[in-house]
Amino acid sequence: MELKLDYNVMVEISERSLSDNQKRWQQLQPVIGAWKGDGELETIFAQIDRERHADRGREVDWETKE
């Protein structure tokens, strides 16, 4: 984004209050650890790990001239 010299830019900065942070923490607490002990997660992450380490190579177009 390019701004010209004659542009006015307004920035609003607000402080988060302690009560806002407490509300966020209260909303977050019930989901922390919600998947603990879920056996399906181990299977999912094992699949991700296998795919991540798979050597798929890449296609080379030998016909392309530079």
PDB file of N, CA and C in Angstrom:
ATOM      1  N   MET A   1       0.845  -1.167   0.000  1.00  0.00           N
ATOM      2  CA  MET A   1       0.000   0.000   0.000  1.00  0.00           C
ATOM      3  C   MET A   1       0.888   1.228   0.000  1.00  0.00           C
ATOM      4  N   GLU A   2       0.585   2.127  -0.867  1.00  0.00           N
ATOM      5  CA  GLU A   2       1.383   3.340  -0.970  1.00  0.00           C
ATOM      6  C   GLU A   2       0.541   4.523  -0.530  1.00  0.00           C
ATOM      7  N   LEU A   3       1.089   5.323   0.371  1.00  0.00           N
ATOM      8  CA  LEU A   3       0.392   6.511   0.850  1.00  0.00           C
ATOM      9  C   LEU A   3       1.085   7.751   0.311  1.00  0.00           C
ATOM     10  N   LYS A   4       0.295   8.688  -0.175  1.00  0.00           N
ATOM     11  CA  LYS A   4       0.846   9.955  -0.652  1.00  0.00           C
ATOM     12  C   LYS A   4       1.042  10.881   0.536  1.00  0.00           C
ATOM     13  N   LEU A   5       1.859  11.880   0.340  1.00  0.00           N
ATOM     14  CA  LEU A   5       2.181  12.794   1.434  1.00  0.00           C
ATOM     15  C   LEU A   5       0.976  13.538   1.992  1.00  0.00           C
ATOM     16  N   ASP A   6      -0.030  13.779   1.182  1.00  0.00           N
ATOM     17  CA  ASP A   6      -1.173  14.557   1.665  1.00  0.00           C
ATOM     18  C   ASP A   6      -2.274  13.698   2.280  1.00  0.00           C
ATOM     19  N   TYR A   7      -2.040  12.421   2.505  1.00  0.00           N
ATOM     20  CA  TYR A   7      -3.032  11.536   3.126  1.00  0.00           C
ATOM     21  C   TYR A   7      -3.004  11.705   4.632  1.00  0.00           C
ATOM     22  N   ASN A   8      -4.176  11.630   5.224  1.00  0.00           N
ATOM     23  CA  ASN A   8      -4.293  11.605   6.680  1.00  0.00           C
ATOM     24  C   ASN A   8      -4.572  10.174   7.115  1.00  0.00           C
ATOM     25  N   VAL A   9      -3.879   9.742   8.119  1.00  0.00           N
ATOM     26  CA  VAL A   9      -4.074   8.392   8.640  1.00  0.00           C
ATOM     27  C   VAL A   9      -4.447   8.506  10.105  1.00  0.00           C
ATOM     28  N   MET A  10      -5.537   7.839  10.485  1.00  0.00           N
ATOM     29  CA  MET A  10      -5.959   7.843  11.880  1.00  0.00           C
ATOM     30  C   MET A  10      -5.749   6.447  12.459  1.00  0.00           C
ATOM     31  N   VAL A  11      -5.157   6.400  13.612  1.00  0.00           N
ATOM     32  CA  VAL A  11      -4.909   5.140  14.293  1.00  0.00           C
ATOM     33  C   VAL A  11      -5.556   5.220  15.662  1.00  0.00           C
ATOM     34  N   GLU A  12      -6.354   4.215  15.977  1.00  0.00           N
ATOM     35  CA  GLU A  12      -6.996   4.177  17.284  1.00  0.00           C
ATOM     36  C   GLU A  12      -6.340   3.073  18.109  1.00  0.00           C
ATOM     37  N   ILE A  13      -5.856   3.437  19.254  1.00  0.00           N
ATOM     38  CA  ILE A  13      -5.215   2.473  20.145  1.00  0.00           C
ATOM     39  C   ILE A  13      -6.038   2.396  21.417  1.00  0.00           C
ATOM     40  N   SER A  14      -6.421   1.177  21.769  1.00  0.00           N
ATOM     41  CA  SER A  14      -7.201   1.024  22.996  1.00  0.00           C
ATOM     42  C   SER A  14      -6.503   0.032  23.912  1.00  0.00           C
ATOM     43  N   GLU A  15      -6.669   0.235  25.170  1.00  0.00           N
ATOM     44  CA  GLU A  15      -6.097  -0.663  26.165  1.00  0.00           C
ATOM     45  C   GLU A  15      -7.078  -1.777  26.467  1.00  0.00           C
ATOM     46  N   ARG A  16      -6.565  -2.973  26.528  1.00  0.00           N
ATOM     47  CA  ARG A  16      -7.427  -4.075  26.963  1.00  0.00           C
ATOM     48  C   ARG A  16      -7.448  -4.068  28.479  1.00  0.00           C
ATOM     49  N   SER A  17      -8.608  -4.181  28.983  1.00  0.00           N
ATOM     50  CA  SER A  17      -8.714  -4.157  30.431  1.00  0.00           C
ATOM     51  C   SER A  17      -8.457  -5.554  30.994  1.00  0.00           C
ATOM     52  N   LEU A  18      -8.173  -5.592  32.258  1.00  0.00           N
ATOM     53  CA  LEU A  18      -7.934  -6.854  32.936  1.00  0.00           C
ATOM     54  C   LEU A  18      -9.163  -7.743  32.837  1.00  0.00           C
ATOM     55  N   SER A  19     -10.339  -7.149  32.918  1.00  0.00           N
ATOM     56  CA  SER A  19     -11.560  -7.947  32.855  1.00  0.00           C
ATOM     57  C   SER A  19     -11.713  -8.601  31.477  1.00  0.00           C
ATOM     58  N   ASP A  20     -11.270  -7.923  30.385  1.00  0.00           N
ATOM     59  CA  ASP A  20     -11.309  -8.525  29.058  1.00  0.00           C
ATOM     60  C   ASP A  20     -10.417  -9.766  29.005  1.00  0.00           C
ATOM     61  N   ASN A  21      -9.222  -9.659  29.574  1.00  0.00           N
ATOM     62  CA  ASN A  21      -8.311 -10.804  29.596  1.00  0.00           C
ATOM     63  C   ASN A  21      -8.872 -11.943  30.444  1.00  0.00           C
ATOM     64  N   GLN A  22      -9.509 -11.602  31.543  1.00  0.00           N
ATOM     65  CA  GLN A  22     -10.113 -12.632  32.388  1.00  0.00           C
ATOM     66  C   GLN A  22     -11.244 -13.340  31.646  1.00  0.00           C
ATOM     67  N   LYS A  23     -12.041 -12.586  30.906  1.00  0.00           N
ATOM     68  CA  LYS A  23     -13.128 -13.192  30.124  1.00  0.00           C
ATOM     69  C   LYS A  23     -12.565 -14.128  29.064  1.00  0.00           C
ATOM     70  N   ARG A  24     -11.523 -13.688  28.392  1.00  0.00           N
ATOM     71  CA  ARG A  24     -10.902 -14.543  27.367  1.00  0.00           C
ATOM     72  C   ARG A  24     -10.376 -15.835  27.993  1.00  0.00           C
ATOM     73  N   TRP A  25      -9.725 -15.721  29.150  1.00  0.00           N
ATOM     74  CA  TRP A  25      -9.181 -16.893  29.825  1.00  0.00           C
ATOM     75  C   TRP A  25     -10.305 -17.849  30.238  1.00  0.00           C
ATOM     76  N   GLN A  26     -11.409 -17.321  30.713  1.00  0.00           N
ATOM     77  CA  GLN A  26     -12.544 -18.154  31.107  1.00  0.00           C
ATOM     78  C   GLN A  26     -13.126 -18.893  29.899  1.00  0.00           C
ATOM     79  N   GLN A  27     -13.111 -18.257  28.739  1.00  0.00           N
ATOM     80  CA  GLN A  27     -13.607 -18.913  27.524  1.00  0.00           C
ATOM     81  C   GLN A  27     -12.629 -19.982  27.033  1.00  0.00           C
ATOM     82  N   LEU A  28     -11.348 -19.758  27.251  1.00  0.00           N
ATOM     83  CA  LEU A  28     -10.319 -20.681  26.777  1.00  0.00           C
ATOM     84  C   LEU A  28     -10.176 -21.921  27.668  1.00  0.00           C
ATOM     85  N   GLN A  29     -10.347 -21.766  28.956  1.00  0.00           N
ATOM     86  CA  GLN A  29     -10.126 -22.869  29.903  1.00  0.00           C
ATOM     87  C   GLN A  29     -10.898 -24.147  29.572  1.00  0.00           C
ATOM     88  N   PRO A  30     -12.171 -24.087  29.195  1.00  0.00           N
ATOM     89  CA  PRO A  30     -12.891 -25.343  28.929  1.00  0.00           C
ATOM     90  C   PRO A  30     -12.333 -26.158  27.756  1.00  0.00           C
ATOM     91  N   VAL A  31     -11.667 -25.498  26.809  1.00  0.00           N
ATOM     92  CA  VAL A  31     -11.164 -26.243  25.656  1.00  0.00           C
ATOM     93  C   VAL A  31      -9.716 -26.695  25.807  1.00  0.00           C
ATOM     94  N   ILE A  32      -9.015 -26.152  26.799  1.00  0.00           N
ATOM     95  CA  ILE A  32      -7.630 -26.579  27.031  1.00  0.00           C
ATOM     96  C   ILE A  32      -7.638 -28.048  27.440  1.00  0.00           C
ATOM     97  N   GLY A  33      -6.939 -28.840  26.695  1.00  0.00           N
ATOM     98  CA  GLY A  33      -6.856 -30.268  26.992  1.00  0.00           C
ATOM     99  C   GLY A  33      -8.072 -31.069  26.565  1.00  0.00           C
ATOM    100  N   ALA A  34      -8.955 -30.469  25.781  1.00  0.00           N
ATOM    101  CA  ALA A  34     -10.185 -31.151  25.376  1.00  0.00           C
ATOM    102  C   ALA A  34      -9.902 -32.417  24.578  1.00  0.00           C
ATOM    103  N   TRP A  35      -8.771 -32.464  23.877  1.00  0.00           N
ATOM    104  CA  TRP A  35      -8.461 -33.634  23.054  1.00  0.00           C
ATOM    105  C   TRP A  35      -7.528 -34.606  23.752  1.00  0.00           C
ATOM    106  N   LYS A  36      -7.179 -34.339  25.000  1.00  0.00           N
ATOM    107  CA  LYS A  36      -6.277 -35.222  25.740  1.00  0.00           C
ATOM    108  C   LYS A  36      -6.893 -36.619  25.831  1.00  0.00           C
ATOM    109  N   GLY A  37      -6.107 -37.590  25.481  1.00  0.00           N
ATOM    110  CA  GLY A  37      -6.576 -38.973  25.568  1.00  0.00           C
ATOM    111  C   GLY A  37      -7.384 -39.421  24.359  1.00  0.00           C
ATOM    112  N   ASP A  38      -7.520 -38.576  23.350  1.00  0.00           N
ATOM    113  CA  ASP A  38      -8.260 -38.946  22.146  1.00  0.00           C
ATOM    114  C   ASP A  38      -7.338 -39.788  21.273  1.00  0.00           C
ATOM    115  N   GLY A  39      -7.609 -41.072  21.197  1.00  0.00           N
ATOM    116  CA  GLY A  39      -6.770 -42.004  20.445  1.00  0.00           C
ATOM    117  C   GLY A  39      -6.698 -41.702  18.967  1.00  0.00           C
ATOM    118  N   GLU A  40      -7.703 -41.068  18.435  1.00  0.00           N
ATOM    119  CA  GLU A  40      -7.722 -40.750  17.014  1.00  0.00           C
ATOM    120  C   GLU A  40      -6.633 -39.741  16.652  1.00  0.00           C
ATOM    121  N   LEU A  41      -6.277 -38.867  17.599  1.00  0.00           N
ATOM    122  CA  LEU A  41      -5.243 -37.876  17.322  1.00  0.00           C
ATOM    123  C   LEU A  41      -3.903 -38.528  16.997  1.00  0.00           C
ATOM    124  N   GLU A  42      -3.577 -39.582  17.701  1.00  0.00           N
ATOM    125  CA  GLU A  42      -2.313 -40.274  17.439  1.00  0.00           C
ATOM    126  C   GLU A  42      -2.284 -40.792  16.003  1.00  0.00           C
ATOM    127  N   THR A  43      -3.377 -41.346  15.543  1.00  0.00           N
ATOM    128  CA  THR A  43      -3.476 -41.843  14.170  1.00  0.00           C
ATOM    129  C   THR A  43      -3.342 -40.695  13.174  1.00  0.00           C
ATOM    130  N   ILE A  44      -4.008 -39.596  13.439  1.00  0.00           N
ATOM    131  CA  ILE A  44      -3.966 -38.430  12.552  1.00  0.00           C
ATOM    132  C   ILE A  44      -2.546 -37.883  12.443  1.00  0.00           C
ATOM    133  N   PHE A  45      -1.881 -37.707  13.587  1.00  0.00           N
ATOM    134  CA  PHE A  45      -0.526 -37.167  13.552  1.00  0.00           C
ATOM    135  C   PHE A  45       0.476 -38.146  12.964  1.00  0.00           C
ATOM    136  N   ALA A  46       0.251 -39.433  13.116  1.00  0.00           N
ATOM    137  CA  ALA A  46       1.121 -40.436  12.484  1.00  0.00           C
ATOM    138  C   ALA A  46       0.998 -40.333  10.965  1.00  0.00           C
ATOM    139  N   GLN A  47      -0.207 -40.148  10.461  1.00  0.00           N
ATOM    140  CA  GLN A  47      -0.423 -39.985   9.019  1.00  0.00           C
ATOM    141  C   GLN A  47       0.250 -38.709   8.512  1.00  0.00           C
ATOM    142  N   ILE A  48       0.121 -37.635   9.250  1.00  0.00           N
ATOM    143  CA  ILE A  48       0.767 -36.374   8.878  1.00  0.00           C
ATOM    144  C   ILE A  48       2.273 -36.573   8.818  1.00  0.00           C
ATOM    145  N   ASP A  49       2.834 -37.277   9.794  1.00  0.00           N
ATOM    146  CA  ASP A  49       4.272 -37.525   9.834  1.00  0.00           C
ATOM    147  C   ASP A  49       4.725 -38.359   8.641  1.00  0.00           C
ATOM    148  N   ARG A  50       3.955 -39.388   8.295  1.00  0.00           N
ATOM    149  CA  ARG A  50       4.308 -40.224   7.138  1.00  0.00           C
ATOM    150  C   ARG A  50       4.290 -39.396   5.860  1.00  0.00           C
ATOM    151  N   GLU A  51       3.273 -38.584   5.681  1.00  0.00           N
ATOM    152  CA  GLU A  51       3.170 -37.762   4.472  1.00  0.00           C
ATOM    153  C   GLU A  51       4.270 -36.715   4.413  1.00  0.00           C
ATOM    154  N   ARG A  52       4.628 -36.198   5.565  1.00  0.00           N
ATOM    155  CA  ARG A  52       5.658 -35.163   5.619  1.00  0.00           C
ATOM    156  C   ARG A  52       7.012 -35.712   5.198  1.00  0.00           C
ATOM    157  N   HIS A  53       7.274 -36.973   5.512  1.00  0.00           N
ATOM    158  CA  HIS A  53       8.566 -37.575   5.200  1.00  0.00           C
ATOM    159  C   HIS A  53       8.583 -38.325   3.867  1.00  0.00           C
ATOM    160  N   ALA A  54       7.445 -38.414   3.211  1.00  0.00           N
ATOM    161  CA  ALA A  54       7.387 -39.125   1.931  1.00  0.00           C
ATOM    162  C   ALA A  54       8.133 -38.325   0.872  1.00  0.00           C
ATOM    163  N   ASP A  55       8.971 -39.010   0.098  1.00  0.00           N
ATOM    164  CA  ASP A  55       9.707 -38.351  -0.973  1.00  0.00           C
ATOM    165  C   ASP A  55       8.886 -38.459  -2.243  1.00  0.00           C
ATOM    166  N   ARG A  56       8.229 -37.396  -2.592  1.00  0.00           N
ATOM    167  CA  ARG A  56       7.383 -37.415  -3.776  1.00  0.00           C
ATOM    168  C   ARG A  56       8.134 -36.940  -5.012  1.00  0.00           C
ATOM    169  N   GLY A  57       9.324 -36.419  -4.826  1.00  0.00           N
ATOM    170  CA  GLY A  57      10.077 -35.903  -5.953  1.00  0.00           C
ATOM    171  C   GLY A  57       9.349 -34.746  -6.601  1.00  0.00           C
ATOM    172  N   ARG A  58       9.785 -34.401  -7.773  1.00  0.00           N
ATOM    173  CA  ARG A  58       9.095 -33.352  -8.510  1.00  0.00           C
ATOM    174  C   ARG A  58       9.230 -33.632  -9.994  1.00  0.00           C
ATOM    175  N   GLU A  59       8.272 -33.167 -10.726  1.00  0.00           N
ATOM    176  CA  GLU A  59       8.254 -33.378 -12.166  1.00  0.00           C
ATOM    177  C   GLU A  59       9.216 -32.385 -12.822  1.00  0.00           C
ATOM    178  N   VAL A  60      10.018 -32.918 -13.743  1.00  0.00           N
ATOM    179  CA  VAL A  60      10.951 -32.062 -14.478  1.00  0.00           C
ATOM    180  C   VAL A  60      10.556 -32.079 -15.938  1.00  0.00           C
ATOM    181  N   ASP A  61      10.398 -30.896 -16.517  1.00  0.00           N
ATOM    182  CA  ASP A  61      10.042 -30.785 -17.927  1.00  0.00           C
ATOM    183  C   ASP A  61      11.339 -30.592 -18.710  1.00  0.00           C
ATOM    184  N   TRP A  62      11.844 -31.667 -19.292  1.00  0.00           N
ATOM    185  CA  TRP A  62      13.099 -31.637 -20.020  1.00  0.00           C
ATOM    186  C   TRP A  62      12.944 -30.949 -21.374  1.00  0.00           C
ATOM    187  N   GLU A  63      11.734 -30.722 -21.819  1.00  0.00           N
ATOM    188  CA  GLU A  63      11.481 -30.125 -23.117  1.00  0.00           C
ATOM    189  C   GLU A  63      11.531 -28.590 -23.092  1.00  0.00           C
ATOM    190  N   THR A  64      11.450 -28.010 -21.918  1.00  0.00           N
ATOM    191  CA  THR A  64      11.432 -26.553 -21.798  1.00  0.00           C
ATOM    192  C   THR A  64      12.803 -25.992 -22.151  1.00  0.00           C
ATOM    193  N   LYS A  65      12.799 -25.004 -23.029  1.00  0.00           N
ATOM    194  CA  LYS A  65      14.049 -24.349 -23.419  1.00  0.00           C
ATOM    195  C   LYS A  65      14.089 -22.979 -22.768  1.00  0.00           C
ATOM    196  N   GLU A  66      15.226 -22.628 -22.274  1.00  0.00           N
ATOM    197  CA  GLU A  66      15.366 -21.326 -21.632  1.00  0.00           C
ATOM    198  C   GLU A  66      15.850 -20.299 -22.597  1.00  0.00           C
TER     199      GLU A  66
END
